[in-house]
Amino acid sequence: MTPAFWSDVAARLETGDRVFLALVVAHSRHSPGTRGAAMAVTADGHFTGTIGGGVMEADVQALAARALRDEHFKPQRRHLVHRAGHALASGLICAGEQSNVYLMLNTRDVVLARTCARGEGTLVIDDSGARHEEEPGKSGDPWPVCIPLFNSRRVAILGGGHCAAALSRTMSNLGYHVTVVEERADVPALERAGELMQTETLRDAAGRVAHPENTSVICMGPDLHADVRALVGALEGPFPFIGVMGAPAKLARIRTELRALGVSEEGWQRITAPVGLSIGSRTPEEIAVSVAGQLIQRDRTEP
C-alpha cells in the first residue's frame, strides 16, 4: 500500500466513485499475495494494485463487482489456502496461505485515503468500517485489523539525472518510498516518481533525509565531485546502505578524494562501489534494474 496507491484511491473517491479494497493482512511462505499488497476496484472496471493475481484475484474482482452494487456491504476477512482440495482453497496451487480483508470506501472517505497516502499512523479496520489512528494498534482475530502505514522500504537518490530518474521510477513501482535530492535548479530528465528535495549541496542532503536508519542511499551525481560531496554527507548518517555508481577509473578517483578529505578505510568499506548487480547494464533503465535488484536482494536477506 504505497502513497501512490492511496492517492489513486482518493482521486477515484473525489470523482464520486465508491472504491472496493482488497488488502492482504497476513501471509505465509510461498503465498503470491504478501502482507501489504492491495487492490482497488471501482464500478467502471478501473482497478489498481494486485493481491497475488491469477484465478484468486479474478474471484476477488467478481466479489468487488457484486459488492459495488450492494449499498450495505460490510468489511470481510477471509483466509485463503493455495492448495487444491482444501476447504479454503483460493483456486491457486502454488502453496502458502494468505488472509485478505475486503472493504468499501465511499466519498466520505476521501480524507481517510489522503491521510493514508502520507504514510503515517495506522489504518484500523473492523466490521463497522475503516479509520485512521495516529498510534500503532494491535490486531485481533478477526477484528480489528491494524495496518501500519509507515513504509520502512526507503531509498534516497542523491542526484537527479537520467539514471536517477529511471531508478526513481523503478523503486517507486516496487513500493519503495523514494526521495530524490538534487543541487541543480533545472534538471529536465528528472521525473517526480517520488519526493523531490532541492538542496544547496549534496553534502547536506543526507542530513535532511527523513528516517535515515531505514533508508538506502544511492549516489548518482552529475560528476565525480558531486558524488564525493554526497558520499561525505552520507557517511555522517546512520544509513544501512550507501552505494555509488561509476566505472573503475571514476571510483578510484572518488576513493582518493575521500581519503584526502579524511575518510578512513572503515568509512570506504561502508560504500558499495559500484552499486548494482553485475548484469552488464548500460542504459539508465538497465542500471535501475541492477540497483533495484541489489536493494531487493539485500532487503530480503537482512534479518
C-alpha atoms as a PDB file:
ATOM      1  CA  MET A   1       0.000   0.000   0.000  1.00  0.00           C
ATOM      2  CA  THR A   2       2.113   2.809  -1.333  1.00  0.00           C
ATOM      3  CA  PRO A   3       1.331   6.542  -1.228  1.00  0.00           C
ATOM      4  CA  ALA A   4       0.650   6.302  -4.976  1.00  0.00           C
ATOM      5  CA  PHE A   5      -1.947   3.574  -4.330  1.00  0.00           C
ATOM      6  CA  TRP A   6      -3.772   5.662  -1.728  1.00  0.00           C
ATOM      7  CA  SER A   7      -3.559   8.776  -3.892  1.00  0.00           C
ATOM      8  CA  ASP A   8      -5.228   6.862  -6.723  1.00  0.00           C
ATOM      9  CA  VAL A   9      -7.957   5.676  -4.349  1.00  0.00           C
ATOM     10  CA  ALA A  10      -8.511   9.246  -3.119  1.00  0.00           C
ATOM     11  CA  ALA A  11      -8.723  10.547  -6.683  1.00  0.00           C
ATOM     12  CA  ARG A  12     -11.430   7.998  -7.534  1.00  0.00           C
ATOM     13  CA  LEU A  13     -13.375   8.853  -4.384  1.00  0.00           C
ATOM     14  CA  GLU A  14     -13.202  12.543  -5.268  1.00  0.00           C
ATOM     15  CA  THR A  15     -14.976  11.843  -8.568  1.00  0.00           C
ATOM     16  CA  GLY A  16     -17.865  10.292  -6.640  1.00  0.00           C
ATOM     17  CA  ASP A  17     -16.910   6.634  -7.137  1.00  0.00           C
ATOM     18  CA  ARG A  18     -17.176   4.027  -4.446  1.00  0.00           C
ATOM     19  CA  VAL A  19     -13.956   2.005  -4.162  1.00  0.00           C
ATOM     20  CA  PHE A  20     -13.720  -1.658  -3.188  1.00  0.00           C
ATOM     21  CA  LEU A  21     -10.451  -2.514  -1.450  1.00  0.00           C
ATOM     22  CA  ALA A  22      -8.794  -5.906  -1.066  1.00  0.00           C
ATOM     23  CA  LEU A  23      -5.871  -5.782   1.380  1.00  0.00           C
ATOM     24  CA  VAL A  24      -3.510  -8.653   2.251  1.00  0.00           C
ATOM     25  CA  VAL A  25      -3.051  -8.537   6.020  1.00  0.00           C
ATOM     26  CA  ALA A  26      -1.149 -11.801   6.587  1.00  0.00           C
ATOM     27  CA  HIS A  27       0.668 -14.418   4.530  1.00  0.00           C
ATOM     28  CA  SER A  28       2.874 -17.465   4.802  1.00  0.00           C
ATOM     29  CA  ARG A  29       5.856 -18.547   2.729  1.00  0.00           C
ATOM     30  CA  HIS A  30       5.176 -19.195  -0.986  1.00  0.00           C
ATOM     31  CA  SER A  31       1.987 -17.146  -0.989  1.00  0.00           C
ATOM     32  CA  PRO A  32       1.730 -14.960  -4.136  1.00  0.00           C
ATOM     33  CA  GLY A  33      -0.034 -12.291  -2.110  1.00  0.00           C
ATOM     34  CA  THR A  34       2.125 -10.801   0.625  1.00  0.00           C
ATOM     35  CA  ARG A  35       1.295  -8.617   3.611  1.00  0.00           C
ATOM     36  CA  GLY A  36       0.826  -5.033   2.483  1.00  0.00           C
ATOM     37  CA  ALA A  37      -0.333  -5.910  -1.040  1.00  0.00           C
ATOM     38  CA  ALA A  38      -3.526  -4.148  -2.058  1.00  0.00           C
ATOM     39  CA  MET A  39      -6.011  -3.868  -4.898  1.00  0.00           C
ATOM     40  CA  ALA A  40      -8.688  -1.241  -5.526  1.00  0.00           C
ATOM     41  CA  VAL A  41     -11.680  -1.703  -7.858  1.00  0.00           C
ATOM     42  CA  THR A  42     -14.422   0.715  -8.970  1.00  0.00           C
ATOM     43  CA  ALA A  43     -17.757   0.096 -10.656  1.00  0.00           C
ATOM     44  CA  ASP A  44     -16.500   1.186 -14.093  1.00  0.00           C
ATOM     45  CA  GLY A  45     -13.885  -1.584 -14.056  1.00  0.00           C
ATOM     46  CA  HIS A  46     -10.927   0.590 -13.068  1.00  0.00           C
ATOM     47  CA  PHE A  47      -8.527  -1.228 -10.785  1.00  0.00           C
ATOM     48  CA  THR A  48      -5.063  -0.676  -9.444  1.00  0.00           C
ATOM     49  CA  GLY A  49      -2.678  -2.877  -7.496  1.00  0.00           C
ATOM     50  CA  THR A  50      -2.630  -6.646  -7.025  1.00  0.00           C
ATOM     51  CA  ILE A  51      -3.150  -9.137  -4.217  1.00  0.00           C
ATOM     52  CA  GLY A  52      -1.442 -12.067  -5.944  1.00  0.00           C
ATOM     53  CA  GLY A  53      -3.008 -12.477  -9.364  1.00  0.00           C
ATOM     54  CA  GLY A  54      -4.471 -15.478 -11.132  1.00  0.00           C
ATOM     55  CA  VAL A  55      -7.867 -17.025 -10.509  1.00  0.00           C
ATOM     56  CA  MET A  56      -7.864 -15.838  -6.882  1.00  0.00           C
ATOM     57  CA  GLU A  57      -7.672 -12.221  -7.989  1.00  0.00           C
ATOM     58  CA  ALA A  58     -10.323 -12.803 -10.664  1.00  0.00           C
ATOM     59  CA  ASP A  59     -12.637 -14.169  -7.950  1.00  0.00           C
ATOM     60  CA  VAL A  60     -11.992 -11.098  -5.808  1.00  0.00           C
ATOM     61  CA  GLN A  61     -12.759  -8.819  -8.753  1.00  0.00           C
ATOM     62  CA  ALA A  62     -16.062 -10.666  -9.195  1.00  0.00           C
ATOM     63  CA  LEU A  63     -16.761 -10.155  -5.482  1.00  0.00           C
ATOM     64  CA  ALA A  64     -15.909  -6.467  -5.924  1.00  0.00           C
ATOM     65  CA  ALA A  65     -18.436  -6.150  -8.756  1.00  0.00           C
ATOM     66  CA  ARG A  66     -21.170  -7.616  -6.545  1.00  0.00           C
ATOM     67  CA  ALA A  67     -20.142  -5.560  -3.521  1.00  0.00           C
ATOM     68  CA  LEU A  68     -20.188  -2.324  -5.519  1.00  0.00           C
ATOM     69  CA  ARG A  69     -23.870  -2.968  -6.249  1.00  0.00           C
ATOM     70  CA  ASP A  70     -24.571  -3.536  -2.555  1.00  0.00           C
ATOM     71  CA  GLU A  71     -25.195  -0.318  -0.613  1.00  0.00           C
ATOM     72  CA  HIS A  72     -24.767  -2.169   2.678  1.00  0.00           C
ATOM     73  CA  PHE A  73     -21.550  -4.121   2.078  1.00  0.00           C
ATOM     74  CA  LYS A  74     -19.664  -4.648   5.332  1.00  0.00           C
ATOM     75  CA  PRO A  75     -15.958  -5.431   5.760  1.00  0.00           C
ATOM     76  CA  GLN A  76     -14.979  -9.071   5.499  1.00  0.00           C
ATOM     77  CA  ARG A  77     -11.879 -11.030   6.402  1.00  0.00           C
ATOM     78  CA  ARG A  78     -11.143 -14.246   4.529  1.00  0.00           C
ATOM     79  CA  HIS A  79      -8.350 -16.764   4.889  1.00  0.00           C
ATOM     80  CA  LEU A  80      -7.283 -18.457   1.657  1.00  0.00           C
ATOM     81  CA  VAL A  81      -5.170 -21.574   1.173  1.00  0.00           C
ATOM     82  CA  HIS A  82      -3.329 -22.024  -2.115  1.00  0.00           C
ATOM     83  CA  ARG A  83      -3.774 -25.786  -2.399  1.00  0.00           C
ATOM     84  CA  ALA A  84      -6.303 -27.763  -4.399  1.00  0.00           C
ATOM     85  CA  GLY A  85      -8.941 -29.627  -2.419  1.00  0.00           C
ATOM     86  CA  HIS A  86      -8.672 -27.541   0.740  1.00  0.00           C
ATOM     87  CA  ALA A  87     -11.907 -26.208   2.245  1.00  0.00           C
ATOM     88  CA  LEU A  88     -10.485 -22.672   1.992  1.00  0.00           C
ATOM     89  CA  ALA A  89      -8.906 -23.178  -1.442  1.00  0.00           C
ATOM     90  CA  SER A  90      -8.184 -19.977  -3.338  1.00  0.00           C
ATOM     91  CA  GLY A  91      -8.021 -21.652  -6.747  1.00  0.00           C
ATOM     92  CA  LEU A  92      -4.232 -21.308  -6.852  1.00  0.00           C
ATOM     93  CA  ILE A  93      -1.937 -24.297  -6.305  1.00  0.00           C
ATOM     94  CA  CYS A  94       1.351 -22.531  -5.537  1.00  0.00           C
ATOM     95  CA  ALA A  95       1.236 -23.427  -1.806  1.00  0.00           C
ATOM     96  CA  GLY A  96       1.173 -20.936   1.021  1.00  0.00           C
ATOM     97  CA  GLU A  97      -1.734 -19.105   2.624  1.00  0.00           C
ATOM     98  CA  GLN A  98      -2.907 -15.532   2.944  1.00  0.00           C
ATOM     99  CA  SER A  99      -5.566 -13.516   4.742  1.00  0.00           C
ATOM    100  CA  ASN A 100      -7.403 -10.785   2.853  1.00  0.00           C
ATOM    101  CA  VAL A 101      -9.633  -8.030   4.131  1.00  0.00           C
ATOM    102  CA  TYR A 102     -12.335  -6.643   1.831  1.00  0.00           C
ATOM    103  CA  LEU A 103     -13.989  -3.297   2.499  1.00  0.00           C
ATOM    104  CA  MET A 104     -15.795  -0.474   0.749  1.00  0.00           C
ATOM    105  CA  LEU A 105     -14.800   3.178   0.784  1.00  0.00           C
ATOM    106  CA  ASN A 106     -17.314   5.890  -0.063  1.00  0.00           C
ATOM    107  CA  THR A 107     -16.947   9.541  -0.985  1.00  0.00           C
ATOM    108  CA  ARG A 108     -16.876  10.499   2.696  1.00  0.00           C
ATOM    109  CA  ASP A 109     -13.621   8.509   2.980  1.00  0.00           C
ATOM    110  CA  VAL A 110     -11.562  10.884   0.815  1.00  0.00           C
ATOM    111  CA  VAL A 111      -9.858  12.354   3.876  1.00  0.00           C
ATOM    112  CA  LEU A 112      -9.057   8.852   5.127  1.00  0.00           C
ATOM    113  CA  ALA A 113      -7.410   7.920   1.814  1.00  0.00           C
ATOM    114  CA  ARG A 114      -5.419  11.174   1.701  1.00  0.00           C
ATOM    115  CA  THR A 115      -4.295  10.596   5.279  1.00  0.00           C
ATOM    116  CA  CYS A 116      -3.168   7.052   4.443  1.00  0.00           C
ATOM    117  CA  ALA A 117      -1.171   8.443   1.494  1.00  0.00           C
ATOM    118  CA  ARG A 118       1.025  10.343   3.970  1.00  0.00           C
ATOM    119  CA  GLY A 119       2.373   7.020   5.234  1.00  0.00           C
ATOM    120  CA  GLU A 120       1.888   7.780   8.902  1.00  0.00           C
ATOM    121  CA  GLY A 121      -0.087   6.167  11.707  1.00  0.00           C
ATOM    122  CA  THR A 122      -2.276   3.071  11.464  1.00  0.00           C
ATOM    123  CA  LEU A 123      -5.249   2.032   9.335  1.00  0.00           C
ATOM    124  CA  VAL A 124      -7.737   0.278  11.637  1.00  0.00           C
ATOM    125  CA  ILE A 125     -10.470  -1.920  10.138  1.00  0.00           C
ATOM    126  CA  ASP A 126     -13.319  -3.679  11.908  1.00  0.00           C
ATOM    127  CA  ASP A 127     -16.785  -4.829  10.925  1.00  0.00           C
ATOM    128  CA  SER A 128     -18.063  -1.243  11.035  1.00  0.00           C
ATOM    129  CA  GLY A 129     -15.535   0.163   8.544  1.00  0.00           C
ATOM    130  CA  ALA A 130     -12.099   1.788   8.451  1.00  0.00           C
ATOM    131  CA  ARG A 131     -10.498   4.657  10.352  1.00  0.00           C
ATOM    132  CA  HIS A 132      -7.076   6.209  10.846  1.00  0.00           C
ATOM    133  CA  GLU A 133      -5.303   6.309  14.192  1.00  0.00           C
ATOM    134  CA  GLU A 134      -2.046   8.041  14.987  1.00  0.00           C
ATOM    135  CA  GLU A 135      -0.751   5.392  17.386  1.00  0.00           C
ATOM    136  CA  PRO A 136       0.053   1.772  16.488  1.00  0.00           C
ATOM    137  CA  GLY A 137      -2.679  -0.710  17.325  1.00  0.00           C
ATOM    138  CA  LYS A 138      -2.833  -4.440  17.986  1.00  0.00           C
ATOM    139  CA  SER A 139      -4.726  -6.688  15.592  1.00  0.00           C
ATOM    140  CA  GLY A 140      -7.254  -9.225  16.807  1.00  0.00           C
ATOM    141  CA  ASP A 141      -8.829 -12.260  15.163  1.00  0.00           C
ATOM    142  CA  PRO A 142     -10.678 -11.401  13.053  1.00  0.00           C
ATOM    143  CA  TRP A 143     -11.154  -7.781  14.208  1.00  0.00           C
ATOM    144  CA  PRO A 144      -9.775  -5.227  14.470  1.00  0.00           C
ATOM    145  CA  VAL A 145      -7.132  -5.368  11.754  1.00  0.00           C
ATOM    146  CA  CYS A 146      -4.392  -2.807  12.396  1.00  0.00           C
ATOM    147  CA  ILE A 147      -2.193  -1.977   9.395  1.00  0.00           C
ATOM    148  CA  PRO A 148       0.882   0.222   9.973  1.00  0.00           C
ATOM    149  CA  LEU A 149       1.109   2.786   7.172  1.00  0.00           C
ATOM    150  CA  PHE A 150       4.786   3.668   7.574  1.00  0.00           C
ATOM    151  CA  ASN A 151       6.847   2.373   4.663  1.00  0.00           C
ATOM    152  CA  SER A 152      10.176   1.071   6.005  1.00  0.00           C
ATOM    153  CA  ARG A 153      11.455   0.320   2.489  1.00  0.00           C
ATOM    154  CA  ARG A 154      13.046   3.633   1.580  1.00  0.00           C
ATOM    155  CA  VAL A 155      15.680   4.918  -0.810  1.00  0.00           C
ATOM    156  CA  ALA A 156      17.291   8.339  -1.228  1.00  0.00           C
ATOM    157  CA  ILE A 157      18.827   9.039  -4.634  1.00  0.00           C
ATOM    158  CA  LEU A 158      21.425  11.803  -4.489  1.00  0.00           C
ATOM    159  CA  GLY A 159      21.491  13.335  -7.960  1.00  0.00           C
ATOM    160  CA  GLY A 160      18.712  13.829 -10.467  1.00  0.00           C
ATOM    161  CA  GLY A 161      19.968  12.883 -13.930  1.00  0.00           C
ATOM    162  CA  HIS A 162      18.791  10.231 -16.390  1.00  0.00           C
ATOM    163  CA  CYS A 163      19.874   7.265 -14.240  1.00  0.00           C
ATOM    164  CA  ALA A 164      18.309   8.793 -11.127  1.00  0.00           C
ATOM    165  CA  ALA A 165      15.047   9.363 -12.998  1.00  0.00           C
ATOM    166  CA  ALA A 166      14.965   5.738 -14.154  1.00  0.00           C
ATOM    167  CA  LEU A 167      15.816   4.455 -10.677  1.00  0.00           C
ATOM    168  CA  SER A 168      13.207   6.658  -9.002  1.00  0.00           C
ATOM    169  CA  ARG A 169      10.509   5.257 -11.307  1.00  0.00           C
ATOM    170  CA  THR A 170      11.636   1.687 -10.761  1.00  0.00           C
ATOM    171  CA  MET A 171      11.864   1.916  -6.970  1.00  0.00           C
ATOM    172  CA  SER A 172       8.531   3.708  -6.747  1.00  0.00           C
ATOM    173  CA  ASN A 173       6.901   0.961  -8.830  1.00  0.00           C
ATOM    174  CA  LEU A 174       8.412  -1.589  -6.439  1.00  0.00           C
ATOM    175  CA  GLY A 175       6.708   0.081  -3.494  1.00  0.00           C
ATOM    176  CA  TYR A 176       9.670   1.937  -2.009  1.00  0.00           C
ATOM    177  CA  HIS A 177       9.399   5.418  -0.562  1.00  0.00           C
ATOM    178  CA  VAL A 178      11.662   7.438  -2.861  1.00  0.00           C
ATOM    179  CA  THR A 179      13.397  10.734  -2.147  1.00  0.00           C
ATOM    180  CA  VAL A 180      15.416  12.358  -4.936  1.00  0.00           C
ATOM    181  CA  VAL A 181      17.856  15.063  -3.866  1.00  0.00           C
ATOM    182  CA  GLU A 182      19.350  17.489  -6.387  1.00  0.00           C
ATOM    183  CA  GLU A 183      21.528  20.575  -6.066  1.00  0.00           C
ATOM    184  CA  ARG A 184      20.903  21.811  -9.619  1.00  0.00           C
ATOM    185  CA  ALA A 185      17.915  24.073 -10.164  1.00  0.00           C
ATOM    186  CA  ASP A 186      16.723  22.695 -13.512  1.00  0.00           C
ATOM    187  CA  VAL A 187      17.069  19.010 -14.368  1.00  0.00           C
ATOM    188  CA  PRO A 188      14.893  18.163 -17.387  1.00  0.00           C
ATOM    189  CA  ALA A 189      15.497  14.407 -17.101  1.00  0.00           C
ATOM    190  CA  LEU A 190      14.059  14.138 -13.610  1.00  0.00           C
ATOM    191  CA  GLU A 191      10.539  12.756 -13.385  1.00  0.00           C
ATOM    192  CA  ARG A 192       9.000  13.079  -9.998  1.00  0.00           C
ATOM    193  CA  ALA A 193       8.300   9.456  -9.177  1.00  0.00           C
ATOM    194  CA  GLY A 194       8.998  10.278  -5.552  1.00  0.00           C
ATOM    195  CA  GLU A 195       9.613  13.174  -3.199  1.00  0.00           C
ATOM    196  CA  LEU A 196      11.886  15.794  -4.759  1.00  0.00           C
ATOM    197  CA  MET A 197      14.193  17.734  -2.441  1.00  0.00           C
ATOM    198  CA  GLN A 198      16.294  20.690  -3.584  1.00  0.00           C
ATOM    199  CA  THR A 199      19.491  21.426  -1.668  1.00  0.00           C
ATOM    200  CA  GLU A 200      22.420  23.808  -1.989  1.00  0.00           C
ATOM    201  CA  THR A 201      24.948  20.974  -1.901  1.00  0.00           C
ATOM    202  CA  LEU A 202      24.629  17.182  -1.912  1.00  0.00           C
ATOM    203  CA  ARG A 203      26.868  17.087   1.156  1.00  0.00           C
ATOM    204  CA  ASP A 204      23.928  18.472   3.165  1.00  0.00           C
ATOM    205  CA  ALA A 205      21.363  16.193   1.564  1.00  0.00           C
ATOM    206  CA  ALA A 206      21.785  13.171   3.802  1.00  0.00           C
ATOM    207  CA  GLY A 207      21.159  15.224   6.921  1.00  0.00           C
ATOM    208  CA  ARG A 208      17.752  16.233   5.575  1.00  0.00           C
ATOM    209  CA  VAL A 209      16.516  12.751   4.638  1.00  0.00           C
ATOM    210  CA  ALA A 210      13.782  11.520   6.969  1.00  0.00           C
ATOM    211  CA  HIS A 211      14.168   8.136   8.673  1.00  0.00           C
ATOM    212  CA  PRO A 212      17.820   7.620   7.669  1.00  0.00           C
ATOM    213  CA  GLU A 213      18.037   4.371   9.646  1.00  0.00           C
ATOM    214  CA  ASN A 214      15.547   2.848   7.160  1.00  0.00           C
ATOM    215  CA  THR A 215      16.923   4.488   4.017  1.00  0.00           C
ATOM    216  CA  SER A 216      19.389   3.192   1.431  1.00  0.00           C
ATOM    217  CA  VAL A 217      21.397   5.968  -0.229  1.00  0.00           C
ATOM    218  CA  ILE A 218      22.365   5.785  -3.901  1.00  0.00           C
ATOM    219  CA  CYS A 219      24.763   8.453  -5.204  1.00  0.00           C
ATOM    220  CA  MET A 220      24.185   9.334  -8.854  1.00  0.00           C
ATOM    221  CA  GLY A 221      25.586  12.853  -9.109  1.00  0.00           C
ATOM    222  CA  PRO A 222      26.313  14.609 -12.415  1.00  0.00           C
ATOM    223  CA  ASP A 223      30.078  14.360 -11.884  1.00  0.00           C
ATOM    224  CA  LEU A 224      32.768  12.910  -9.654  1.00  0.00           C
ATOM    225  CA  HIS A 225      32.885  15.924  -7.344  1.00  0.00           C
ATOM    226  CA  ALA A 226      29.126  15.841  -6.733  1.00  0.00           C
ATOM    227  CA  ASP A 227      29.390  12.164  -5.782  1.00  0.00           C
ATOM    228  CA  VAL A 228      32.224  12.946  -3.378  1.00  0.00           C
ATOM    229  CA  ARG A 229      30.107  15.629  -1.704  1.00  0.00           C
ATOM    230  CA  ALA A 230      27.175  13.230  -1.486  1.00  0.00           C
ATOM    231  CA  LEU A 231      29.265  10.404  -0.041  1.00  0.00           C
ATOM    232  CA  VAL A 232      30.919  12.571   2.620  1.00  0.00           C
ATOM    233  CA  GLY A 233      27.478  13.636   3.834  1.00  0.00           C
ATOM    234  CA  ALA A 234      26.038  10.116   3.651  1.00  0.00           C
ATOM    235  CA  LEU A 235      28.872   8.686   5.735  1.00  0.00           C
ATOM    236  CA  GLU A 236      27.874  11.047   8.540  1.00  0.00           C
ATOM    237  CA  GLY A 237      24.423   9.439   8.792  1.00  0.00           C
ATOM    238  CA  PRO A 238      23.128   6.069  10.064  1.00  0.00           C
ATOM    239  CA  PHE A 239      22.199   4.799   6.598  1.00  0.00           C
ATOM    240  CA  PRO A 240      22.233   0.984   6.385  1.00  0.00           C
ATOM    241  CA  PHE A 241      23.407   1.010   2.754  1.00  0.00           C
ATOM    242  CA  ILE A 242      25.415   3.530   0.721  1.00  0.00           C
ATOM    243  CA  GLY A 243      26.121   2.922  -2.947  1.00  0.00           C
ATOM    244  CA  VAL A 244      27.711   4.957  -5.719  1.00  0.00           C
ATOM    245  CA  MET A 245      27.502   4.471  -9.476  1.00  0.00           C
ATOM    246  CA  GLY A 246      30.641   4.568 -11.598  1.00  0.00           C
ATOM    247  CA  ALA A 247      33.289   2.849 -13.703  1.00  0.00           C
ATOM    248  CA  PRO A 248      36.510   1.599 -12.029  1.00  0.00           C
ATOM    249  CA  ALA A 249      38.571   4.657 -13.003  1.00  0.00           C
ATOM    250  CA  LYS A 250      35.979   7.047 -11.585  1.00  0.00           C
ATOM    251  CA  LEU A 251      35.606   5.021  -8.396  1.00  0.00           C
ATOM    252  CA  ALA A 252      39.382   5.010  -7.865  1.00  0.00           C
ATOM    253  CA  ARG A 253      39.395   8.813  -8.090  1.00  0.00           C
ATOM    254  CA  ILE A 254      36.468   9.043  -5.683  1.00  0.00           C
ATOM    255  CA  ARG A 255      38.324   6.859  -3.197  1.00  0.00           C
ATOM    256  CA  THR A 256      41.436   9.033  -3.468  1.00  0.00           C
ATOM    257  CA  GLU A 257      39.459  12.243  -2.937  1.00  0.00           C
ATOM    258  CA  LEU A 258      37.610  10.797   0.039  1.00  0.00           C
ATOM    259  CA  ARG A 259      40.907   9.800   1.612  1.00  0.00           C
ATOM    260  CA  ALA A 260      42.179  13.361   1.109  1.00  0.00           C
ATOM    261  CA  LEU A 261      39.086  14.621   2.934  1.00  0.00           C
ATOM    262  CA  GLY A 262      39.803  12.374   5.900  1.00  0.00           C
ATOM    263  CA  VAL A 263      37.505   9.428   5.153  1.00  0.00           C
ATOM    264  CA  SER A 264      39.032   6.319   6.723  1.00  0.00           C
ATOM    265  CA  GLU A 265      39.308   2.858   5.212  1.00  0.00           C
ATOM    266  CA  GLU A 266      36.468   1.828   7.515  1.00  0.00           C
ATOM    267  CA  GLY A 267      34.352   4.591   6.022  1.00  0.00           C
ATOM    268  CA  TRP A 268      35.188   3.477   2.487  1.00  0.00           C
ATOM    269  CA  GLN A 269      34.190  -0.088   3.347  1.00  0.00           C
ATOM    270  CA  ARG A 270      30.675   1.170   4.128  1.00  0.00           C
ATOM    271  CA  ILE A 271      30.306   2.166   0.468  1.00  0.00           C
ATOM    272  CA  THR A 272      29.198  -0.276  -2.215  1.00  0.00           C
ATOM    273  CA  ALA A 273      31.141   0.744  -5.313  1.00  0.00           C
ATOM    274  CA  PRO A 274      29.968   0.183  -7.917  1.00  0.00           C
ATOM    275  CA  VAL A 275      26.372  -0.118  -6.834  1.00  0.00           C
ATOM    276  CA  GLY A 276      24.117  -2.628  -8.599  1.00  0.00           C
ATOM    277  CA  LEU A 277      24.207  -6.293  -9.556  1.00  0.00           C
ATOM    278  CA  SER A 278      26.607  -7.245 -12.332  1.00  0.00           C
ATOM    279  CA  ILE A 279      24.204  -7.823 -15.233  1.00  0.00           C
ATOM    280  CA  GLY A 280      26.033  -5.920 -17.967  1.00  0.00           C
ATOM    281  CA  SER A 281      23.755  -2.897 -17.612  1.00  0.00           C
ATOM    282  CA  ARG A 282      24.397   0.108 -19.862  1.00  0.00           C
ATOM    283  CA  THR A 283      21.235   2.199 -20.269  1.00  0.00           C
ATOM    284  CA  PRO A 284      19.622   4.153 -17.410  1.00  0.00           C
ATOM    285  CA  GLU A 285      16.764   1.664 -17.328  1.00  0.00           C
ATOM    286  CA  GLU A 286      19.133  -1.309 -17.142  1.00  0.00           C
ATOM    287  CA  ILE A 287      21.176   0.381 -14.421  1.00  0.00           C
ATOM    288  CA  ALA A 288      17.956   0.966 -12.491  1.00  0.00           C
ATOM    289  CA  VAL A 289      17.140  -2.750 -12.724  1.00  0.00           C
ATOM    290  CA  SER A 290      20.609  -3.716 -11.462  1.00  0.00           C
ATOM    291  CA  VAL A 291      20.431  -1.342  -8.488  1.00  0.00           C
ATOM    292  CA  ALA A 292      16.852  -2.307  -7.665  1.00  0.00           C
ATOM    293  CA  GLY A 293      17.796  -5.975  -7.758  1.00  0.00           C
ATOM    294  CA  GLN A 294      20.643  -5.405  -5.320  1.00  0.00           C
ATOM    295  CA  LEU A 295      18.431  -3.473  -2.900  1.00  0.00           C
ATOM    296  CA  ILE A 296      15.691  -6.101  -3.041  1.00  0.00           C
ATOM    297  CA  GLN A 297      18.240  -8.864  -2.527  1.00  0.00           C
ATOM    298  CA  ARG A 298      19.623  -7.038   0.491  1.00  0.00           C
ATOM    299  CA  ASP A 299      16.214  -6.244   1.974  1.00  0.00           C
ATOM    300  CA  ARG A 300      15.003  -9.814   1.572  1.00  0.00           C
ATOM    301  CA  THR A 301      18.059 -11.374   3.197  1.00  0.00           C
ATOM    302  CA  GLU A 302      18.597  -8.922   6.060  1.00  0.00           C
ATOM    303  CA  PRO A 303      17.346 -10.297   9.443  1.00  0.00           C
END
